[in-house]
């Protein structure tokens, strides 16, 4: 059964890189969102297997941690796995402390270790 990944806050080229990597390695669909409002809407409308949130949202450069905090604070959605997309380990650590699973950075999109991080959520 096909999995669904919601990717929040990445610019077009980064979204396409993430989508290409995911669809090349997993039976998954990648849905693009841009902020908390549309991400929460998608999460309420369909089952989602994983959410990735950019550290700084592309459209207005707000902090992606705010999106993560809203998801994790919602009683209906808080159990959905979320990853922060950042190359900075200190931000990964902060995301984990806010309920995320370890994410990946844009510099490692094509790295096999990124596929290993995604496997528990998008694999068969």
Protein backbone atom coordinates (compact mmCIF):
# COMPACT_ATOMS: atom_id res chain seq x y z
CA UNK A 1 0.00 0.00 0.00
CA UNK A 2 1.35 3.41 -0.98
CA UNK A 3 2.56 5.67 1.83
CA UNK A 4 2.07 9.43 2.11
CA UNK A 5 4.75 11.93 3.07
CA UNK A 6 3.80 15.58 3.60
CA UNK A 7 6.72 17.94 2.95
CA UNK A 8 6.23 21.37 4.51
CA UNK A 9 8.09 24.58 3.77
CA UNK A 10 10.61 23.62 1.11
CA UNK A 11 11.18 25.65 -2.05
CA UNK A 12 10.31 24.08 -5.41
CA UNK A 13 13.76 22.66 -6.22
CA UNK A 14 14.24 21.19 -2.73
CA UNK A 15 10.72 19.74 -2.73
CA UNK A 16 11.40 18.11 -6.10
CA UNK A 17 14.70 16.66 -4.83
CA UNK A 18 12.97 15.19 -1.78
CA UNK A 19 10.07 13.90 -3.87
CA UNK A 20 12.39 12.30 -6.41
CA UNK A 21 14.45 10.58 -3.71
CA UNK A 22 11.33 9.32 -1.93
CA UNK A 23 9.52 8.07 -5.04
CA UNK A 24 12.70 6.41 -6.37
CA UNK A 25 13.16 4.37 -3.20
CA UNK A 26 9.67 3.91 -1.72
CA UNK A 27 6.10 3.27 -2.81
CA UNK A 28 5.08 6.71 -1.60
CA UNK A 29 3.40 9.93 -2.65
CA UNK A 30 4.84 13.28 -1.56
CA UNK A 31 2.42 16.16 -0.91
CA UNK A 32 3.76 19.72 -0.71
CA UNK A 33 2.53 22.18 1.91
CA UNK A 34 3.85 25.61 2.82
CA UNK A 35 2.98 26.31 6.45
CA UNK A 36 1.09 25.22 9.54
CA UNK A 37 -2.40 25.92 8.22
CA UNK A 38 -2.26 23.85 5.04
CA UNK A 39 -0.18 21.13 6.71
CA UNK A 40 -2.74 20.69 9.49
CA UNK A 41 -5.53 20.66 6.88
CA UNK A 42 -3.86 17.84 4.91
CA UNK A 43 -3.23 15.87 8.12
CA UNK A 44 -6.91 16.11 9.04
CA UNK A 45 -8.09 15.06 5.57
CA UNK A 46 -6.09 11.87 5.02
CA UNK A 47 -3.85 9.39 6.79
CA UNK A 48 -0.21 10.51 6.58
CA UNK A 49 2.78 8.30 7.32
CA UNK A 50 5.41 11.01 7.79
CA UNK A 51 5.74 14.81 7.78
CA UNK A 52 8.99 16.56 6.92
CA UNK A 53 9.28 20.23 7.92
CA UNK A 54 11.97 22.58 6.64
CA UNK A 55 13.83 24.43 9.41
CA UNK A 56 12.98 27.77 7.78
CA UNK A 57 9.79 27.86 5.73
CA UNK A 58 10.44 28.95 2.16
CA UNK A 59 7.49 31.31 1.72
CA UNK A 60 8.07 33.60 4.71
CA UNK A 61 11.18 32.22 6.43
CA UNK A 62 9.32 31.55 9.67
CA UNK A 63 10.64 28.86 11.98
CA UNK A 64 9.56 25.34 11.01
CA UNK A 65 9.63 24.39 14.69
CA UNK A 66 6.38 26.33 15.07
CA UNK A 67 4.71 23.95 12.59
CA UNK A 68 6.14 20.99 14.49
CA UNK A 69 4.89 22.33 17.83
CA UNK A 70 1.37 22.78 16.42
CA UNK A 71 1.30 19.23 15.06
CA UNK A 72 2.66 17.70 18.27
CA UNK A 73 0.28 19.72 20.47
CA UNK A 74 -2.80 18.53 18.58
CA UNK A 75 -4.47 15.57 20.35
CA UNK A 76 -5.59 14.02 17.04
CA UNK A 77 -2.37 14.59 15.09
CA UNK A 78 0.38 14.50 17.70
CA UNK A 79 1.22 10.85 17.03
CA UNK A 80 2.06 11.46 13.35
CA UNK A 81 5.84 11.07 12.89
CA UNK A 82 7.59 14.35 12.02
CA UNK A 83 11.15 15.02 10.84
CA UNK A 84 12.94 18.36 10.66
CA UNK A 85 14.86 19.02 7.44
CA UNK A 86 18.10 20.73 8.45
CA UNK A 87 21.84 20.21 8.14
CA UNK A 88 22.40 21.54 11.68
CA UNK A 89 22.68 18.94 14.43
CA UNK A 90 21.67 21.37 17.19
CA UNK A 91 18.37 21.99 15.39
CA UNK A 92 17.85 18.24 14.90
CA UNK A 93 18.35 17.83 18.64
CA UNK A 94 15.83 20.58 19.42
CA UNK A 95 13.32 18.93 17.09
CA UNK A 96 13.78 15.58 18.83
CA UNK A 97 13.21 17.28 22.17
CA UNK A 98 9.92 18.58 20.72
CA UNK A 99 8.71 15.12 19.74
CA UNK A 100 10.26 14.59 16.30
CA UNK A 101 12.14 11.59 15.04
CA UNK A 102 15.66 12.28 13.73
CA UNK A 103 15.51 14.00 10.36
CA UNK A 104 17.99 14.75 7.61
CA UNK A 105 19.63 17.70 5.92
CA UNK A 106 19.33 18.81 2.33
CA UNK A 107 23.02 18.04 1.82
CA UNK A 108 22.29 14.38 2.56
CA UNK A 109 19.13 13.87 0.47
CA UNK A 110 20.89 11.39 -1.83
CA UNK A 111 22.84 9.71 0.96
CA UNK A 112 21.85 6.09 1.78
CA UNK A 113 21.63 7.06 5.46
CA UNK A 114 18.65 9.29 4.63
CA UNK A 115 16.84 6.36 3.05
CA UNK A 116 17.56 4.39 6.22
CA UNK A 117 15.95 7.15 8.32
CA UNK A 118 12.85 7.09 6.10
CA UNK A 119 12.54 3.30 5.85
CA UNK A 120 10.60 2.75 9.13
CA UNK A 121 7.93 5.21 7.98
CA UNK A 122 7.79 4.77 4.20
CA UNK A 123 9.00 1.19 3.71
CA UNK A 124 6.77 -1.82 3.21
